[in-house]
Amino acid sequence: MTATAKVGAQRHPEKRNRPDNPIQRKPSWIRVKAPTSPVYRETRDIVRENGLHTVCEEAGCPNIGECWAKKHATFMVMGDTCTRACAFCNVATGTPMPLDPMEPVNIGTAVAKLGLEHVVVTSVDRDDLADGGAAHFAEVIARIREFAPGTTVEILTPDFKDKSGAVEVVSAATPDVFNHNLETVPRLYPTIRPGARYFTSLELLHRAKRLDPNVFTKSGLMVGLGETREEVHQVMDDLRAADVDFLTIGQYLQPTPKHAAIDCFVTPDEFDAYAAAARGKGFLMVSSSPLTRSSYHAGDDFARLRDARAAKLSQTGGA
């Protein structure tokens, strides 16, 4: 075993994916209870009534019970069918339906009904659209501002396939948080995220910050796919060079036997070590745990993010 051994491989060789057992039993630290809360059902009903999609359901998020019990839902716009087929993602792939022109209004209505202080809006990849869906994102933000003016808006965008002007259109709608996930380390892109390019995603994040220095930028990584610690630390450095404020790190969970296999389950202690390293590299906020997802506790994290920026500005005299 070399110095670049895979995360957790030495300590947990028995947890590697075996051909005869493609989906492994989850360790105790990432098991969750089935949702039963009445508020969960209320959130589900509001989503259904407005004909909306959520990444919570489409991607099979393990935190759906906890989040929906607090009326925290991550809306997924532009349909439920993605034009790409990433090896980690459980969202359906195929030819999408045309955009629903009423979707931005329906999102705004649902946000108001739920009384959200903070909302996260993501989307499928829409490579079939000339702008990748940038104008639709901007319209969703505008309608949320109209129907729920007190709600802060976090967007989790695709890479827009490097379409010219897309980031500018979304940035002009002034989201409070501009999130785009790198997902994994560059070496694994050809197998895990084949339709994307690592440096295109990095440049998107950097451009969002250059266009609006006041926006909080955010990105996320999955671990347990075979990456090394050194590779994760290099991604942290790349993100800081792009002036990204907030990093999330969570355990990859294999949705079906057809998806990428789990290389290992990363331990809570290893997640803590990643968090310490990221804080040392200068991120304003870090969320690193087995169950961390891009929008998990997003509202609380946004409040802490603002406080962290205020504290940093205070220390530097507003520079």
Protein backbone atom coordinates (compact mmCIF):
# COMPACT_ATOMS: atom_id res chain seq x y z
CA MET A 1 0.00 0.00 0.00
CA THR A 2 1.57 3.30 -1.08
CA ALA A 3 1.45 6.72 0.55
CA THR A 4 -1.43 7.59 -1.77
CA ALA A 5 -3.64 4.77 -0.45
CA LYS A 6 -7.34 5.30 -0.89
CA VAL A 7 -9.28 6.97 1.92
CA GLY A 8 -10.17 4.39 4.58
CA ALA A 9 -8.73 1.46 2.57
CA GLN A 10 -6.18 0.36 5.18
CA ARG A 11 -8.64 0.48 8.05
CA HIS A 12 -11.71 -0.91 6.29
CA PRO A 13 -10.69 -3.45 3.60
CA GLU A 14 -13.79 -5.49 4.39
CA LYS A 15 -16.00 -2.57 3.34
CA ARG A 16 -14.82 -2.46 -0.26
CA ASN A 17 -17.44 -3.23 -2.85
CA ARG A 18 -17.52 -6.91 -3.82
CA PRO A 19 -18.83 -8.19 -7.18
CA ASP A 20 -21.30 -10.46 -5.39
CA ASN A 21 -22.56 -7.66 -3.14
CA PRO A 22 -22.87 -4.48 -5.27
CA ILE A 23 -24.81 -2.47 -2.68
CA GLN A 24 -23.26 -2.69 0.74
CA ARG A 25 -24.88 -2.51 4.15
CA LYS A 26 -24.49 0.99 5.54
CA PRO A 27 -22.49 1.43 8.74
CA SER A 28 -24.35 2.59 11.83
CA TRP A 29 -23.20 6.20 11.49
CA ILE A 30 -25.13 6.78 8.26
CA ARG A 31 -28.39 4.93 8.88
CA VAL A 32 -31.49 7.10 9.12
CA LYS A 33 -35.08 6.53 10.20
CA ALA A 34 -38.01 6.45 7.78
CA PRO A 35 -39.95 9.77 7.68
CA THR A 36 -43.16 9.81 9.74
CA SER A 37 -43.62 13.45 10.83
CA PRO A 38 -46.95 15.20 10.06
CA VAL A 39 -44.94 18.22 8.90
CA TYR A 40 -43.11 15.95 6.48
CA ARG A 41 -46.45 14.99 4.97
CA GLU A 42 -47.51 18.65 4.84
CA THR A 43 -44.34 19.56 2.95
CA ARG A 44 -44.89 16.65 0.57
CA ASP A 45 -48.48 17.78 -0.07
CA ILE A 46 -47.42 21.36 -0.91
CA VAL A 47 -44.81 20.04 -3.34
CA ARG A 48 -47.43 17.79 -4.99
CA GLU A 49 -50.13 20.49 -5.14
CA ASN A 50 -47.81 22.79 -7.07
CA GLY A 51 -46.63 20.08 -9.45
CA LEU A 52 -43.00 20.48 -8.40
CA HIS A 53 -39.96 18.19 -8.32
CA THR A 54 -37.43 18.03 -5.51
CA VAL A 55 -33.93 16.64 -5.58
CA CYS A 56 -34.76 15.23 -2.14
CA GLU A 57 -37.02 12.66 -3.81
CA GLU A 58 -35.49 12.32 -7.26
CA ALA A 59 -31.98 11.66 -5.95
CA GLY A 60 -33.12 9.60 -2.95
CA CYS A 61 -31.52 11.87 -0.34
CA PRO A 62 -31.12 10.10 3.04
CA ASN A 63 -31.97 13.32 4.90
CA ILE A 64 -35.44 13.83 3.42
CA GLY A 65 -37.27 12.88 6.62
CA GLU A 66 -35.33 15.33 8.78
CA CYS A 67 -35.39 18.19 6.26
CA TRP A 68 -39.05 17.93 5.23
CA ALA A 69 -40.07 17.71 8.88
CA LYS A 70 -38.63 21.23 9.14
CA LYS A 71 -40.26 22.33 5.82
CA HIS A 72 -36.86 22.42 4.15
CA ALA A 73 -37.12 21.20 0.57
CA THR A 74 -34.68 21.58 -2.32
CA PHE A 75 -36.63 22.31 -5.48
CA MET A 76 -35.42 20.80 -8.74
CA VAL A 77 -36.41 22.87 -11.76
CA MET A 78 -36.60 22.22 -15.50
CA GLY A 79 -38.18 18.80 -15.11
CA ASP A 80 -37.15 15.45 -13.69
CA THR A 81 -35.14 14.13 -16.66
CA CYS A 82 -31.45 14.92 -17.10
CA THR A 83 -29.56 15.05 -20.39
CA ARG A 84 -26.49 13.46 -18.81
CA ALA A 85 -25.82 10.13 -17.11
CA CYS A 86 -23.40 10.67 -14.24
CA ALA A 87 -22.36 7.40 -12.60
CA PHE A 88 -23.30 8.56 -9.10
CA CYS A 89 -26.71 10.15 -9.72
CA ASN A 90 -30.16 8.55 -9.45
CA VAL A 91 -32.04 11.22 -11.42
CA ALA A 92 -33.61 9.83 -14.62
CA THR A 93 -31.68 10.30 -17.87
CA GLY A 94 -33.24 10.83 -21.27
CA THR A 95 -34.92 13.43 -23.47
CA PRO A 96 -36.52 16.10 -21.25
CA MET A 97 -39.93 17.69 -21.74
CA PRO A 98 -40.13 21.36 -22.76
CA LEU A 99 -39.76 23.88 -19.94
CA ASP A 100 -42.91 24.61 -17.95
CA PRO A 101 -43.47 28.40 -18.18
CA MET A 102 -45.52 28.28 -14.95
CA GLU A 103 -42.79 26.58 -12.93
CA PRO A 104 -41.17 29.81 -11.62
CA VAL A 105 -44.57 31.04 -10.33
CA ASN A 106 -45.30 27.63 -8.79
CA ILE A 107 -41.93 27.64 -7.05
CA GLY A 108 -42.55 31.13 -5.68
CA THR A 109 -46.00 30.10 -4.47
CA ALA A 110 -44.68 26.98 -2.72
CA VAL A 111 -41.85 28.91 -1.03
CA ALA A 112 -44.41 31.41 0.31
CA LYS A 113 -46.76 28.63 1.53
CA LEU A 114 -43.94 26.84 3.29
CA GLY A 115 -42.80 30.09 4.91
CA LEU A 116 -39.18 29.39 4.10
CA GLU A 117 -36.47 31.70 5.39
CA HIS A 118 -33.97 30.13 3.00
CA VAL A 119 -34.62 28.07 -0.14
CA VAL A 120 -32.34 25.95 -2.31
CA VAL A 121 -33.10 25.59 -6.02
CA THR A 122 -31.24 23.11 -8.20
CA SER A 123 -31.88 21.56 -11.60
CA VAL A 124 -31.25 18.71 -13.94
CA ASP A 125 -28.69 19.27 -16.69
CA ARG A 126 -30.41 20.70 -19.77
CA ASP A 127 -27.78 20.52 -22.49
CA ASP A 128 -30.62 20.64 -25.01
CA LEU A 129 -31.31 24.31 -24.22
CA ALA A 130 -29.37 27.10 -25.90
CA ASP A 131 -28.48 28.69 -22.56
CA GLY A 132 -28.49 25.51 -20.49
CA GLY A 133 -31.50 26.84 -18.58
CA ALA A 134 -29.82 29.98 -17.24
CA ALA A 135 -32.78 32.26 -18.05
CA HIS A 136 -35.15 29.82 -16.34
CA PHE A 137 -33.01 29.90 -13.19
CA ALA A 138 -33.11 33.70 -13.27
CA GLU A 139 -36.89 33.69 -13.64
CA VAL A 140 -37.28 31.31 -10.70
CA ILE A 141 -35.16 33.60 -8.53
CA ALA A 142 -37.25 36.60 -9.61
CA ARG A 143 -40.54 34.90 -8.75
CA ILE A 144 -39.25 33.80 -5.34
CA ARG A 145 -38.27 37.42 -4.67
CA GLU A 146 -41.79 38.47 -5.72
CA PHE A 147 -43.80 35.94 -3.70
CA ALA A 148 -41.46 35.57 -0.71
CA PRO A 149 -39.35 38.74 -0.51
CA GLY A 150 -37.91 37.83 2.89
CA THR A 151 -36.53 34.49 1.71
CA THR A 152 -32.84 34.13 0.89
CA VAL A 153 -32.13 32.15 -2.26
CA GLU A 154 -29.42 29.55 -2.81
CA ILE A 155 -28.97 28.05 -6.25
CA LEU A 156 -27.16 24.82 -7.12
CA THR A 157 -26.53 25.01 -10.84
CA PRO A 158 -25.19 22.67 -13.50
CA ASP A 159 -22.09 23.73 -15.40
CA PHE A 160 -24.24 25.03 -18.33
CA LYS A 161 -21.88 23.11 -20.66
CA ASP A 162 -19.71 26.24 -20.81
CA LYS A 163 -22.47 28.10 -22.70
CA SER A 164 -21.49 31.72 -23.26
CA GLY A 165 -23.25 34.23 -21.02
CA ALA A 166 -25.11 31.67 -18.87
CA VAL A 167 -23.32 32.49 -15.61
CA GLU A 168 -23.84 36.21 -16.28
CA VAL A 169 -27.62 35.72 -16.67
CA VAL A 170 -27.92 33.81 -13.41
CA SER A 171 -25.60 36.16 -11.54
CA ALA A 172 -27.65 39.18 -12.65
CA ALA A 173 -30.64 37.69 -10.78
CA THR A 174 -28.57 38.14 -7.56
CA PRO A 175 -28.89 34.83 -5.73
CA ASP A 176 -27.58 34.93 -2.16
CA VAL A 177 -25.55 31.72 -2.62
CA PHE A 178 -24.16 30.44 -5.91
CA ASN A 179 -23.42 26.74 -5.56
CA HIS A 180 -21.97 24.36 -8.12
CA ASN A 181 -20.61 20.97 -7.07
CA LEU A 182 -17.29 19.61 -8.28
CA GLU A 183 -18.54 16.23 -6.96
CA THR A 184 -15.21 14.37 -7.09
CA VAL A 185 -11.50 14.68 -7.80
CA PRO A 186 -10.24 15.31 -11.36
CA ARG A 187 -8.84 11.79 -11.84
CA LEU A 188 -12.30 10.25 -11.39
CA TYR A 189 -14.19 12.55 -13.77
CA PRO A 190 -14.00 10.20 -16.80
CA THR A 191 -15.86 7.45 -14.91
CA ILE A 192 -17.93 9.37 -12.34
CA ARG A 193 -18.81 12.63 -14.12
CA PRO A 194 -18.02 11.94 -17.80
CA GLY A 195 -20.18 14.72 -19.24
CA ALA A 196 -18.39 17.43 -17.24
CA ARG A 197 -14.93 18.97 -17.07
CA TYR A 198 -13.21 19.74 -13.77
CA PHE A 199 -11.66 23.06 -14.78
CA THR A 200 -14.88 24.22 -16.48
CA SER A 201 -16.64 23.78 -13.14
CA LEU A 202 -13.86 25.57 -11.28
CA GLU A 203 -14.01 28.49 -13.70
CA LEU A 204 -17.80 28.73 -13.32
CA LEU A 205 -17.41 29.20 -9.57
CA HIS A 206 -14.61 31.71 -9.98
CA ARG A 207 -16.59 33.66 -12.58
CA ALA A 208 -19.66 33.81 -10.31
CA LYS A 209 -17.49 35.40 -7.61
CA ARG A 210 -15.85 37.83 -10.02
CA LEU A 211 -19.24 38.92 -11.36
CA ASP A 212 -20.63 39.52 -7.87
CA PRO A 213 -18.01 39.66 -5.08
CA ASN A 214 -20.83 39.81 -2.51
CA VAL A 215 -22.36 36.46 -3.46
CA PHE A 216 -21.40 33.47 -1.34
CA THR A 217 -19.93 30.71 -3.50
CA LYS A 218 -20.17 27.09 -2.50
CA SER A 219 -19.16 23.66 -3.79
CA GLY A 220 -19.42 20.04 -2.69
CA LEU A 221 -17.50 16.77 -2.86
CA MET A 222 -18.48 13.14 -2.41
CA VAL A 223 -15.91 10.83 -0.85
CA GLY A 224 -15.71 7.05 -0.77
CA LEU A 225 -15.32 6.71 -4.55
CA GLY A 226 -11.62 5.84 -4.53
CA GLU A 227 -10.08 9.29 -4.13
CA THR A 228 -6.96 9.83 -2.05
CA ARG A 229 -6.52 12.31 0.78
CA GLU A 230 -3.95 14.18 -1.26
CA GLU A 231 -6.41 14.54 -4.12
CA VAL A 232 -9.12 15.89 -1.83
CA HIS A 233 -6.67 18.40 -0.34
CA GLN A 234 -5.69 19.51 -3.85
CA VAL A 235 -9.36 20.11 -4.71
CA MET A 236 -9.63 22.24 -1.57
CA ASP A 237 -6.66 24.30 -2.75
CA ASP A 238 -8.20 24.70 -6.21
CA LEU A 239 -11.48 25.87 -4.72
CA ARG A 240 -9.76 28.40 -2.50
CA ALA A 241 -7.82 29.68 -5.53
CA ALA A 242 -11.25 30.23 -7.12
CA ASP A 243 -12.29 32.19 -4.00
CA VAL A 244 -14.99 29.68 -2.98
CA ASP A 245 -16.40 30.40 0.47
CA PHE A 246 -18.15 27.20 1.54
CA LEU A 247 -17.22 23.54 1.08
CA THR A 248 -19.43 20.52 1.78
CA ILE A 249 -18.08 16.97 1.96
CA GLY A 250 -20.30 13.90 2.29
CA GLN A 251 -20.24 10.14 1.84
CA TYR A 252 -21.17 8.78 -1.59
CA LEU A 253 -24.02 6.26 -1.37
CA GLN A 254 -24.66 3.93 -4.28
CA PRO A 255 -28.28 4.36 -5.45
CA THR A 256 -28.61 1.09 -7.43
CA PRO A 257 -26.39 -1.80 -8.59
CA LYS A 258 -26.03 -0.01 -11.95
CA HIS A 259 -24.34 3.02 -10.38
CA ALA A 260 -20.70 3.48 -9.40
CA ALA A 261 -19.64 1.21 -6.59
CA ILE A 262 -18.63 2.47 -3.17
CA ASP A 263 -14.90 2.06 -2.65
CA CYS A 264 -15.13 2.56 1.10
CA PHE A 265 -17.19 4.14 3.86
CA VAL A 266 -15.24 7.09 5.24
CA THR A 267 -15.33 7.28 9.02
CA PRO A 268 -16.61 10.25 11.04
CA ASP A 269 -13.07 10.87 12.30
CA GLU A 270 -11.82 11.13 8.72
CA PHE A 271 -14.58 13.61 7.91
CA ASP A 272 -13.50 15.66 10.92
CA ALA A 273 -9.92 15.63 9.62
CA TYR A 274 -11.10 16.89 6.22
CA ALA A 275 -13.06 19.67 7.96
CA ALA A 276 -10.00 20.74 9.94
CA ALA A 277 -7.86 20.79 6.79
CA ALA A 278 -10.45 22.84 4.90
CA ARG A 279 -10.77 25.38 7.70
CA GLY A 280 -6.99 25.67 7.75
CA LYS A 281 -7.05 26.49 4.04
CA GLY A 282 -9.33 29.46 4.62
CA PHE A 283 -12.90 28.45 3.79
CA LEU A 284 -15.46 30.62 5.58
CA MET A 285 -17.63 27.55 6.19
CA VAL A 286 -17.10 23.79 6.06
CA SER A 287 -19.66 21.04 6.47
CA SER A 288 -18.04 17.61 6.49
CA SER A 289 -19.84 14.51 7.72
CA PRO A 290 -21.15 11.20 6.35
CA LEU A 291 -24.65 12.60 5.82
CA THR A 292 -23.64 16.04 4.58
CA ARG A 293 -25.30 17.00 1.29
CA SER A 294 -25.22 20.31 -0.61
CA SER A 295 -28.50 21.58 0.82
CA TYR A 296 -28.44 19.81 4.19
CA HIS A 297 -29.01 22.43 6.93
CA ALA A 298 -28.59 25.08 4.22
CA GLY A 299 -30.64 27.72 6.04
CA ASP A 300 -28.72 27.43 9.30
CA ASP A 301 -25.45 27.28 7.38
CA PHE A 302 -26.33 30.46 5.48
CA ALA A 303 -26.80 32.35 8.76
CA ARG A 304 -23.43 31.08 9.98
CA LEU A 305 -21.86 31.98 6.65
CA ARG A 306 -22.98 35.60 7.00
CA ASP A 307 -21.67 35.69 10.55
CA ALA A 308 -18.33 34.23 9.45
CA ARG A 309 -17.94 36.86 6.74
CA ALA A 310 -18.84 39.65 9.16
CA ALA A 311 -16.29 38.35 11.67
CA LYS A 312 -13.60 38.12 9.00
CA LEU A 313 -14.30 41.66 7.77
CA SER A 314 -14.16 42.89 11.34
CA GLN A 315 -10.74 41.28 11.84
CA THR A 316 -9.38 42.75 8.63
CA GLY A 317 -10.90 46.18 9.11
CA GLY A 318 -13.40 45.71 6.27
CA ALA A 319 -10.71 45.04 3.66
